[in-house]
Each structure stands twice: as C-alpha cells, then as structure tokens.
C-alpha cells in the first residue's frame, strides 16, 4: 500500500535541517525501493527548504507512521507537523 508523509519544518530551523541531512538521507536509503519519491518542499522563494514530502510503500498505516517517526529530522526537532496517510496513485508516471 502507498502512503504519503508531508512534514512541515518549524520556522527558523533551517540549520537543524542542514545539520541533520546526512542522517536523514541514510535513513531514507534504508527504505530501498519502497521509497518511491522524496524531496523537500520549498518556501515561496523556490529555493529554501521548509518541509518534506515522501511517497512510500508500507504494510499498513500504523507501520507507515512508525517508520516516519524514526526519521532523524523528527528526532532533531525539525518538524512542526507531520501528516501520514494512505495515498492512491491515479495519474502520471509509474511508481
């Protein structure tokens, strides 16, 4: 089953994101091919990261939420909010 995680950064926490990024990327790499798409959301300037969006496979919602909760960004206190919910691919390139 596919899920999305939409995480919004706390204001003024860009340095936390930058400092934690290597651990975050290593964490995501462990998901392997089950991680379909991932990347930062951007501020209105189109350059400054202000959150994260992930599309990934997992067995159920409980497991998906548990995986997202282990993200080093979250452990570092970067996120203001985290939404994890089931998602259905309907249009666009194959996932």
PDB file of N, CA and C in Angstrom:
ATOM      1  N   UNK A   1       0.850  -1.171   0.000  1.00  0.00           N
ATOM      2  CA  UNK A   1       0.000   0.000   0.000  1.00  0.00           C
ATOM      3  C   UNK A   1       0.896   1.235   0.000  1.00  0.00           C
ATOM      4  N   UNK A   2       0.472   2.272  -0.720  1.00  0.00           N
ATOM      5  CA  UNK A   2       1.238   3.517  -0.773  1.00  0.00           C
ATOM      6  C   UNK A   2       0.768   4.509   0.281  1.00  0.00           C
ATOM      7  N   UNK A   3       1.725   5.296   0.767  1.00  0.00           N
ATOM      8  CA  UNK A   3       1.462   6.332   1.763  1.00  0.00           C
ATOM      9  C   UNK A   3       2.210   7.595   1.383  1.00  0.00           C
ATOM     10  N   UNK A   4       1.694   8.732   1.868  1.00  0.00           N
ATOM     11  CA  UNK A   4       2.448   9.972   1.796  1.00  0.00           C
ATOM     12  C   UNK A   4       2.783  10.402   3.218  1.00  0.00           C
ATOM     13  N   UNK A   5       3.906  11.075   3.329  1.00  0.00           N
ATOM     14  CA  UNK A   5       4.256  11.780   4.548  1.00  0.00           C
ATOM     15  C   UNK A   5       4.533  13.218   4.139  1.00  0.00           C
ATOM     16  N   UNK A   6       3.782  14.145   4.708  1.00  0.00           N
ATOM     17  CA  UNK A   6       4.001  15.571   4.466  1.00  0.00           C
ATOM     18  C   UNK A   6       4.404  16.177   5.800  1.00  0.00           C
ATOM     19  N   UNK A   7       5.655  16.611   5.864  1.00  0.00           N
ATOM     20  CA  UNK A   7       6.223  17.138   7.094  1.00  0.00           C
ATOM     21  C   UNK A   7       6.546  18.612   6.885  1.00  0.00           C
ATOM     22  N   UNK A   8       6.131  19.453   7.816  1.00  0.00           N
ATOM     23  CA  UNK A   8       6.391  20.885   7.745  1.00  0.00           C
ATOM     24  C   UNK A   8       7.412  21.261   8.812  1.00  0.00           C
ATOM     25  N   UNK A   9       8.449  21.966   8.379  1.00  0.00           N
ATOM     26  CA  UNK A   9       9.508  22.377   9.303  1.00  0.00           C
ATOM     27  C   UNK A   9       9.046  23.497  10.227  1.00  0.00           C
ATOM     28  N   UNK A  10       9.620  23.542  11.410  1.00  0.00           N
ATOM     29  CA  UNK A  10       9.431  24.677  12.309  1.00  0.00           C
ATOM     30  C   UNK A  10      10.150  25.885  11.705  1.00  0.00           C
ATOM     31  N   UNK A  11       9.557  27.051  11.849  1.00  0.00           N
ATOM     32  CA  UNK A  11      10.190  28.283  11.380  1.00  0.00           C
ATOM     33  C   UNK A  11      11.536  28.468  12.081  1.00  0.00           C
ATOM     34  N   UNK A  12      12.515  28.955  11.333  1.00  0.00           N
ATOM     35  CA  UNK A  12      13.814  29.237  11.909  1.00  0.00           C
ATOM     36  C   UNK A  12      14.680  28.020  12.182  1.00  0.00           C
ATOM     37  N   UNK A  13      14.321  26.866  11.622  1.00  0.00           N
ATOM     38  CA  UNK A  13      15.062  25.629  11.895  1.00  0.00           C
ATOM     39  C   UNK A  13      15.847  25.115  10.684  1.00  0.00           C
ATOM     40  N   UNK A  14      16.172  26.003   9.741  1.00  0.00           N
ATOM     41  CA  UNK A  14      16.909  25.574   8.551  1.00  0.00           C
ATOM     42  C   UNK A  14      18.237  24.925   8.918  1.00  0.00           C
ATOM     43  N   UNK A  15      18.947  25.467   9.900  1.00  0.00           N
ATOM     44  CA  UNK A  15      20.243  24.892  10.263  1.00  0.00           C
ATOM     45  C   UNK A  15      20.091  23.480  10.809  1.00  0.00           C
ATOM     46  N   UNK A  16      19.001  23.211  11.527  1.00  0.00           N
ATOM     47  CA  UNK A  16      18.734  21.843  12.012  1.00  0.00           C
ATOM     48  C   UNK A  16      18.608  20.907  10.807  1.00  0.00           C
ATOM     49  N   UNK A  17      17.883  21.350   9.793  1.00  0.00           N
ATOM     50  CA  UNK A  17      17.722  20.554   8.568  1.00  0.00           C
ATOM     51  C   UNK A  17      19.083  20.287   7.933  1.00  0.00           C
ATOM     52  N   UNK A  18      19.875  21.319   7.780  1.00  0.00           N
ATOM     53  CA  UNK A  18      21.178  21.173   7.125  1.00  0.00           C
ATOM     54  C   UNK A  18      22.106  20.258   7.922  1.00  0.00           C
ATOM     55  N   UNK A  19      22.108  20.414   9.233  1.00  0.00           N
ATOM     56  CA  UNK A  19      22.980  19.600  10.091  1.00  0.00           C
ATOM     57  C   UNK A  19      22.573  18.136  10.108  1.00  0.00           C
ATOM     58  N   UNK A  20      21.289  17.863   9.984  1.00  0.00           N
ATOM     59  CA  UNK A  20      20.754  16.503  10.120  1.00  0.00           C
ATOM     60  C   UNK A  20      20.609  15.795   8.783  1.00  0.00           C
ATOM     61  N   UNK A  21      20.786  16.513   7.698  1.00  0.00           N
ATOM     62  CA  UNK A  21      20.529  15.966   6.360  1.00  0.00           C
ATOM     63  C   UNK A  21      21.266  14.655   6.070  1.00  0.00           C
ATOM     64  N   UNK A  22      22.562  14.524   6.363  1.00  0.00           N
ATOM     65  CA  UNK A  22      23.223  13.234   6.070  1.00  0.00           C
ATOM     66  C   UNK A  22      22.554  12.040   6.761  1.00  0.00           C
ATOM     67  N   UNK A  23      22.166  12.197   8.022  1.00  0.00           N
ATOM     68  CA  UNK A  23      21.481  11.109   8.737  1.00  0.00           C
ATOM     69  C   UNK A  23      20.104  10.845   8.142  1.00  0.00           C
ATOM     70  N   UNK A  24      19.404  11.913   7.753  1.00  0.00           N
ATOM     71  CA  UNK A  24      18.086  11.781   7.123  1.00  0.00           C
ATOM     72  C   UNK A  24      18.200  10.994   5.816  1.00  0.00           C
ATOM     73  N   UNK A  25      19.166  11.342   4.981  1.00  0.00           N
ATOM     74  CA  UNK A  25      19.335  10.649   3.699  1.00  0.00           C
ATOM     75  C   UNK A  25      19.708   9.186   3.894  1.00  0.00           C
ATOM     76  N   UNK A  26      20.542   8.887   4.891  1.00  0.00           N
ATOM     77  CA  UNK A  26      20.891   7.498   5.190  1.00  0.00           C
ATOM     78  C   UNK A  26      19.660   6.719   5.641  1.00  0.00           C
ATOM     79  N   UNK A  27      18.829   7.348   6.458  1.00  0.00           N
ATOM     80  CA  UNK A  27      17.578   6.739   6.913  1.00  0.00           C
ATOM     81  C   UNK A  27      16.681   6.407   5.719  1.00  0.00           C
ATOM     82  N   UNK A  28      16.526   7.356   4.810  1.00  0.00           N
ATOM     83  CA  UNK A  28      15.678   7.128   3.634  1.00  0.00           C
ATOM     84  C   UNK A  28      16.237   6.016   2.755  1.00  0.00           C
ATOM     85  N   UNK A  29      17.546   5.960   2.614  1.00  0.00           N
ATOM     86  CA  UNK A  29      18.168   4.931   1.783  1.00  0.00           C
ATOM     87  C   UNK A  29      17.863   3.531   2.293  1.00  0.00           C
ATOM     88  N   UNK A  30      17.703   3.382   3.594  1.00  0.00           N
ATOM     89  CA  UNK A  30      17.387   2.082   4.184  1.00  0.00           C
ATOM     90  C   UNK A  30      16.028   1.561   3.725  1.00  0.00           C
ATOM     91  N   UNK A  31      15.145   2.441   3.286  1.00  0.00           N
ATOM     92  CA  UNK A  31      13.805   2.036   2.820  1.00  0.00           C
ATOM     93  C   UNK A  31      13.900   1.357   1.455  1.00  0.00           C
ATOM     94  N   UNK A  32      15.005   1.562   0.753  1.00  0.00           N
ATOM     95  CA  UNK A  32      15.220   0.907  -0.537  1.00  0.00           C
ATOM     96  C   UNK A  32      14.168   1.286  -1.557  1.00  0.00           C
ATOM     97  N   UNK A  33      13.766   0.308  -2.348  1.00  0.00           N
ATOM     98  CA  UNK A  33      12.825   0.559  -3.439  1.00  0.00           C
ATOM     99  C   UNK A  33      11.409   0.862  -2.949  1.00  0.00           C
ATOM    100  N   UNK A  34      11.144   0.684  -1.655  1.00  0.00           N
ATOM    101  CA  UNK A  34       9.822   1.026  -1.119  1.00  0.00           C
ATOM    102  C   UNK A  34       9.631   2.536  -1.027  1.00  0.00           C
ATOM    103  N   UNK A  35      10.726   3.291  -1.061  1.00  0.00           N
ATOM    104  CA  UNK A  35      10.621   4.750  -1.122  1.00  0.00           C
ATOM    105  C   UNK A  35      10.517   5.125  -2.587  1.00  0.00           C
ATOM    106  N   UNK A  36       9.368   5.625  -2.980  1.00  0.00           N
ATOM    107  CA  UNK A  36       9.099   5.907  -4.389  1.00  0.00           C
ATOM    108  C   UNK A  36       9.539   7.299  -4.801  1.00  0.00           C
ATOM    109  N   UNK A  37       9.228   8.302  -3.995  1.00  0.00           N
ATOM    110  CA  UNK A  37       9.558   9.692  -4.296  1.00  0.00           C
ATOM    111  C   UNK A  37       9.813  10.398  -2.976  1.00  0.00           C
ATOM    112  N   UNK A  38      10.782  11.276  -2.953  1.00  0.00           N
ATOM    113  CA  UNK A  38      11.027  12.071  -1.760  1.00  0.00           C
ATOM    114  C   UNK A  38      11.754  13.344  -2.113  1.00  0.00           C
ATOM    115  N   UNK A  39      11.501  14.372  -1.337  1.00  0.00           N
ATOM    116  CA  UNK A  39      12.202  15.625  -1.528  1.00  0.00           C
ATOM    117  C   UNK A  39      11.649  16.708  -0.639  1.00  0.00           C
ATOM    118  N   UNK A  40      12.376  17.824  -0.580  1.00  0.00           N
ATOM    119  CA  UNK A  40      11.923  18.927   0.262  1.00  0.00           C
ATOM    120  C   UNK A  40      10.835  19.750  -0.408  1.00  0.00           C
ATOM    121  N   UNK A  41       9.918  20.249   0.400  1.00  0.00           N
ATOM    122  CA  UNK A  41       9.043  21.313  -0.082  1.00  0.00           C
ATOM    123  C   UNK A  41       9.829  22.605   0.078  1.00  0.00           C
ATOM    124  N   UNK A  42       9.419  23.631  -0.673  1.00  0.00           N
ATOM    125  CA  UNK A  42      10.191  24.865  -0.708  1.00  0.00           C
ATOM    126  C   UNK A  42       9.356  26.067  -0.324  1.00  0.00           C
ATOM    127  N   UNK A  43      10.026  27.060   0.242  1.00  0.00           N
ATOM    128  CA  UNK A  43       9.383  28.333   0.568  1.00  0.00           C
ATOM    129  C   UNK A  43       9.025  29.059  -0.733  1.00  0.00           C
ATOM    130  N   UNK A  44       8.332  30.165  -0.611  1.00  0.00           N
ATOM    131  CA  UNK A  44       7.888  30.920  -1.782  1.00  0.00           C
ATOM    132  C   UNK A  44       9.034  31.384  -2.671  1.00  0.00           C
ATOM    133  N   UNK A  45      10.254  31.464  -2.134  1.00  0.00           N
ATOM    134  CA  UNK A  45      11.394  31.865  -2.957  1.00  0.00           C
ATOM    135  C   UNK A  45      11.822  30.763  -3.922  1.00  0.00           C
ATOM    136  N   UNK A  46      11.227  29.562  -3.777  1.00  0.00           N
ATOM    137  CA  UNK A  46      11.533  28.445  -4.656  1.00  0.00           C
ATOM    138  C   UNK A  46      12.887  27.807  -4.399  1.00  0.00           C
ATOM    139  N   UNK A  47      13.548  28.179  -3.305  1.00  0.00           N
ATOM    140  CA  UNK A  47      14.875  27.648  -3.017  1.00  0.00           C
ATOM    141  C   UNK A  47      15.047  27.133  -1.593  1.00  0.00           C
ATOM    142  N   UNK A  48      14.432  27.784  -0.626  1.00  0.00           N
ATOM    143  CA  UNK A  48      14.661  27.447   0.778  1.00  0.00           C
ATOM    144  C   UNK A  48      13.773  26.281   1.208  1.00  0.00           C
ATOM    145  N   UNK A  49      14.384  25.162   1.644  1.00  0.00           N
ATOM    146  CA  UNK A  49      13.585  24.035   2.117  1.00  0.00           C
ATOM    147  C   UNK A  49      12.766  24.424   3.352  1.00  0.00           C
ATOM    148  N   UNK A  50      11.515  23.953   3.385  1.00  0.00           N
ATOM    149  CA  UNK A  50      10.662  24.237   4.544  1.00  0.00           C
ATOM    150  C   UNK A  50       9.818  23.040   4.962  1.00  0.00           C
ATOM    151  N   UNK A  51      10.146  21.874   4.441  1.00  0.00           N
ATOM    152  CA  UNK A  51       9.405  20.669   4.781  1.00  0.00           C
ATOM    153  C   UNK A  51       9.859  19.504   3.926  1.00  0.00           C
ATOM    154  N   UNK A  52       9.153  18.399   4.037  1.00  0.00           N
ATOM    155  CA  UNK A  52       9.477  17.187   3.282  1.00  0.00           C
ATOM    156  C   UNK A  52       8.207  16.529   2.777  1.00  0.00           C
ATOM    157  N   UNK A  53       8.316  15.897   1.611  1.00  0.00           N
ATOM    158  CA  UNK A  53       7.223  15.099   1.066  1.00  0.00           C
ATOM    159  C   UNK A  53       7.793  13.762   0.631  1.00  0.00           C
ATOM    160  N   UNK A  54       7.201  12.691   1.115  1.00  0.00           N
ATOM    161  CA  UNK A  54       7.629  11.341   0.774  1.00  0.00           C
ATOM    162  C   UNK A  54       6.438  10.545   0.287  1.00  0.00           C
ATOM    163  N   UNK A  55       6.655   9.709  -0.708  1.00  0.00           N
ATOM    164  CA  UNK A  55       5.679   8.708  -1.132  1.00  0.00           C
ATOM    165  C   UNK A  55       6.395   7.365  -1.020  1.00  0.00           C
ATOM    166  N   UNK A  56       5.788   6.443  -0.282  1.00  0.00           N
ATOM    167  CA  UNK A  56       6.471   5.187   0.013  1.00  0.00           C
ATOM    168  C   UNK A  56       5.469   4.060   0.216  1.00  0.00           C
ATOM    169  N   UNK A  57       5.965   2.848   0.106  1.00  0.00           N
ATOM    170  CA  UNK A  57       5.174   1.656   0.361  1.00  0.00           C
ATOM    171  C   UNK A  57       5.386   1.198   1.799  1.00  0.00           C
ATOM    172  N   UNK A  58       4.317   0.708   2.379  1.00  0.00           N
ATOM    173  CA  UNK A  58       4.406   0.081   3.692  1.00  0.00           C
ATOM    174  C   UNK A  58       3.227  -0.870   3.826  1.00  0.00           C
ATOM    175  N   UNK A  59       3.209  -1.638   4.892  1.00  0.00           N
ATOM    176  CA  UNK A  59       2.182  -2.669   5.042  1.00  0.00           C
ATOM    177  C   UNK A  59       0.836  -2.113   5.494  1.00  0.00           C
ATOM    178  N   UNK A  60       0.862  -1.109   6.385  1.00  0.00           N
ATOM    179  CA  UNK A  60      -0.377  -0.516   6.886  1.00  0.00           C
ATOM    180  C   UNK A  60      -0.062   0.854   7.478  1.00  0.00           C
ATOM    181  N   UNK A  61      -1.099   1.587   7.852  1.00  0.00           N
ATOM    182  CA  UNK A  61      -0.920   2.948   8.350  1.00  0.00           C
ATOM    183  C   UNK A  61      -0.097   2.988   9.635  1.00  0.00           C
ATOM    184  N   UNK A  62      -0.317   2.055  10.513  1.00  0.00           N
ATOM    185  CA  UNK A  62       0.436   2.030  11.780  1.00  0.00           C
ATOM    186  C   UNK A  62       1.929   1.883  11.501  1.00  0.00           C
ATOM    187  N   UNK A  63       2.282   0.985  10.618  1.00  0.00           N
ATOM    188  CA  UNK A  63       3.682   0.768  10.271  1.00  0.00           C
ATOM    189  C   UNK A  63       4.271   1.989   9.554  1.00  0.00           C
ATOM    190  N   UNK A  64       3.482   2.609   8.678  1.00  0.00           N
ATOM    191  CA  UNK A  64       3.942   3.809   7.959  1.00  0.00           C
ATOM    192  C   UNK A  64       4.241   4.939   8.935  1.00  0.00           C
ATOM    193  N   UNK A  65       3.343   5.154   9.884  1.00  0.00           N
ATOM    194  CA  UNK A  65       3.562   6.209  10.877  1.00  0.00           C
ATOM    195  C   UNK A  65       4.776   5.908  11.748  1.00  0.00           C
ATOM    196  N   UNK A  66       4.953   4.650  12.102  1.00  0.00           N
ATOM    197  CA  UNK A  66       6.098   4.260  12.930  1.00  0.00           C
ATOM    198  C   UNK A  66       7.410   4.511  12.184  1.00  0.00           C
ATOM    199  N   UNK A  67       7.429   4.213  10.874  1.00  0.00           N
ATOM    200  CA  UNK A  67       8.643   4.449  10.096  1.00  0.00           C
ATOM    201  C   UNK A  67       8.954   5.944  10.023  1.00  0.00           C
ATOM    202  N   UNK A  68       7.971   6.755   9.715  1.00  0.00           N
ATOM    203  CA  UNK A  68       8.189   8.205   9.613  1.00  0.00           C
ATOM    204  C   UNK A  68       8.653   8.767  10.955  1.00  0.00           C
ATOM    205  N   UNK A  69       8.139   8.242  12.045  1.00  0.00           N
ATOM    206  CA  UNK A  69       8.511   8.722  13.377  1.00  0.00           C
ATOM    207  C   UNK A  69       9.994   8.490  13.682  1.00  0.00           C
ATOM    208  N   UNK A  70      10.645   7.578  12.968  1.00  0.00           N
ATOM    209  CA  UNK A  70      12.062   7.292  13.182  1.00  0.00           C
ATOM    210  C   UNK A  70      12.987   8.209  12.374  1.00  0.00           C
ATOM    211  N   UNK A  71      12.429   9.074  11.531  1.00  0.00           N
ATOM    212  CA  UNK A  71      13.235   9.968  10.700  1.00  0.00           C
ATOM    213  C   UNK A  71      14.117  10.850  11.586  1.00  0.00           C
ATOM    214  N   UNK A  72      15.411  10.907  11.329  1.00  0.00           N
ATOM    215  CA  UNK A  72      16.300  11.762  12.121  1.00  0.00           C
ATOM    216  C   UNK A  72      15.881  13.233  12.139  1.00  0.00           C
ATOM    217  N   UNK A  73      15.241  13.722  11.105  1.00  0.00           N
ATOM    218  CA  UNK A  73      14.729  15.092  11.135  1.00  0.00           C
ATOM    219  C   UNK A  73      13.748  15.276  12.293  1.00  0.00           C
ATOM    220  N   UNK A  74      12.853  14.330  12.450  1.00  0.00           N
ATOM    221  CA  UNK A  74      11.889  14.407  13.542  1.00  0.00           C
ATOM    222  C   UNK A  74      12.567  14.322  14.900  1.00  0.00           C
ATOM    223  N   UNK A  75      13.523  13.398  15.017  1.00  0.00           N
ATOM    224  CA  UNK A  75      14.241  13.237  16.286  1.00  0.00           C
ATOM    225  C   UNK A  75      15.017  14.501  16.658  1.00  0.00           C
ATOM    226  N   UNK A  76      15.430  15.273  15.642  1.00  0.00           N
ATOM    227  CA  UNK A  76      16.179  16.507  15.885  1.00  0.00           C
ATOM    228  C   UNK A  76      15.265  17.694  16.182  1.00  0.00           C
ATOM    229  N   UNK A  77      13.951  17.455  16.167  1.00  0.00           N
ATOM    230  CA  UNK A  77      13.008  18.524  16.472  1.00  0.00           C
ATOM    231  C   UNK A  77      12.735  19.467  15.313  1.00  0.00           C
ATOM    232  N   UNK A  78      12.973  19.020  14.074  1.00  0.00           N
ATOM    233  CA  UNK A  78      12.789  19.881  12.907  1.00  0.00           C
ATOM    234  C   UNK A  78      11.325  20.141  12.576  1.00  0.00           C
ATOM    235  N   UNK A  79      10.476  19.162  12.758  1.00  0.00           N
ATOM    236  CA  UNK A  79       9.115  19.250  12.233  1.00  0.00           C
ATOM    237  C   UNK A  79       8.129  19.938  13.169  1.00  0.00           C
ATOM    238  N   UNK A  80       7.377  20.844  12.580  1.00  0.00           N
ATOM    239  CA  UNK A  80       6.235  21.484  13.254  1.00  0.00           C
ATOM    240  C   UNK A  80       5.032  20.552  13.208  1.00  0.00           C
ATOM    241  N   UNK A  81       4.855  19.900  12.042  1.00  0.00           N
ATOM    242  CA  UNK A  81       3.729  18.978  11.887  1.00  0.00           C
ATOM    243  C   UNK A  81       4.112  17.847  10.937  1.00  0.00           C
ATOM    244  N   UNK A  82       3.464  16.711  11.120  1.00  0.00           N
ATOM    245  CA  UNK A  82       3.682  15.533  10.280  1.00  0.00           C
ATOM    246  C   UNK A  82       2.329  14.911   9.981  1.00  0.00           C
ATOM    247  N   UNK A  83       2.050  14.723   8.712  1.00  0.00           N
ATOM    248  CA  UNK A  83       0.832  14.038   8.282  1.00  0.00           C
ATOM    249  C   UNK A  83       1.251  12.796   7.511  1.00  0.00           C
ATOM    250  N   UNK A  84       0.749  11.649   7.924  1.00  0.00           N
ATOM    251  CA  UNK A  84       0.979  10.398   7.213  1.00  0.00           C
ATOM    252  C   UNK A  84      -0.389   9.831   6.895  1.00  0.00           C
ATOM    253  N   UNK A  85      -0.611   9.520   5.616  1.00  0.00           N
ATOM    254  CA  UNK A  85      -1.913   8.973   5.241  1.00  0.00           C
ATOM    255  C   UNK A  85      -1.776   8.105   4.000  1.00  0.00           C
ATOM    256  N   UNK A  86      -2.718   7.164   3.818  1.00  0.00           N
ATOM    257  CA  UNK A  86      -2.717   6.346   2.619  1.00  0.00           C
ATOM    258  C   UNK A  86      -2.890   7.227   1.374  1.00  0.00           C
ATOM    259  N   UNK A  87      -2.322   6.749   0.271  1.00  0.00           N
ATOM    260  CA  UNK A  87      -2.367   7.518  -0.981  1.00  0.00           C
ATOM    261  C   UNK A  87      -2.560   6.529  -2.129  1.00  0.00           C
ATOM    262  N   UNK A  88      -3.314   6.968  -3.128  1.00  0.00           N
ATOM    263  CA  UNK A  88      -3.558   6.131  -4.298  1.00  0.00           C
ATOM    264  C   UNK A  88      -3.000   6.827  -5.525  1.00  0.00           C
ATOM    265  N   UNK A  89      -2.130   6.131  -6.233  1.00  0.00           N
ATOM    266  CA  UNK A  89      -1.566   6.654  -7.479  1.00  0.00           C
ATOM    267  C   UNK A  89      -2.647   6.551  -8.556  1.00  0.00           C
ATOM    268  N   UNK A  90      -2.982   7.689  -9.189  1.00  0.00           N
ATOM    269  CA  UNK A  90      -4.030   7.693 -10.188  1.00  0.00           C
ATOM    270  C   UNK A  90      -3.559   8.191 -11.553  1.00  0.00           C
ATOM    271  N   UNK A  91      -2.662   9.165 -11.576  1.00  0.00           N
ATOM    272  CA  UNK A  91      -2.250   9.778 -12.850  1.00  0.00           C
ATOM    273  C   UNK A  91      -0.750  10.040 -12.807  1.00  0.00           C
ATOM    274  N   UNK A  92      -0.116   9.924 -13.946  1.00  0.00           N
ATOM    275  CA  UNK A  92       1.302  10.262 -14.056  1.00  0.00           C
ATOM    276  C   UNK A  92       2.170   9.043 -14.163  1.00  0.00           C
ATOM    277  N   UNK A  93       3.477   9.290 -14.175  1.00  0.00           N
ATOM    278  CA  UNK A  93       4.467   8.224 -14.334  1.00  0.00           C
ATOM    279  C   UNK A  93       4.297   7.098 -13.348  1.00  0.00           C
ATOM    280  N   UNK A  94       4.721   5.937 -13.757  1.00  0.00           N
ATOM    281  CA  UNK A  94       4.586   4.760 -12.917  1.00  0.00           C
ATOM    282  C   UNK A  94       5.413   4.854 -11.641  1.00  0.00           C
ATOM    283  N   UNK A  95       4.869   4.352 -10.584  1.00  0.00           N
ATOM    284  CA  UNK A  95       5.587   4.300  -9.319  1.00  0.00           C
ATOM    285  C   UNK A  95       5.945   2.866  -9.050  1.00  0.00           C
TER     286      UNK A  95
END
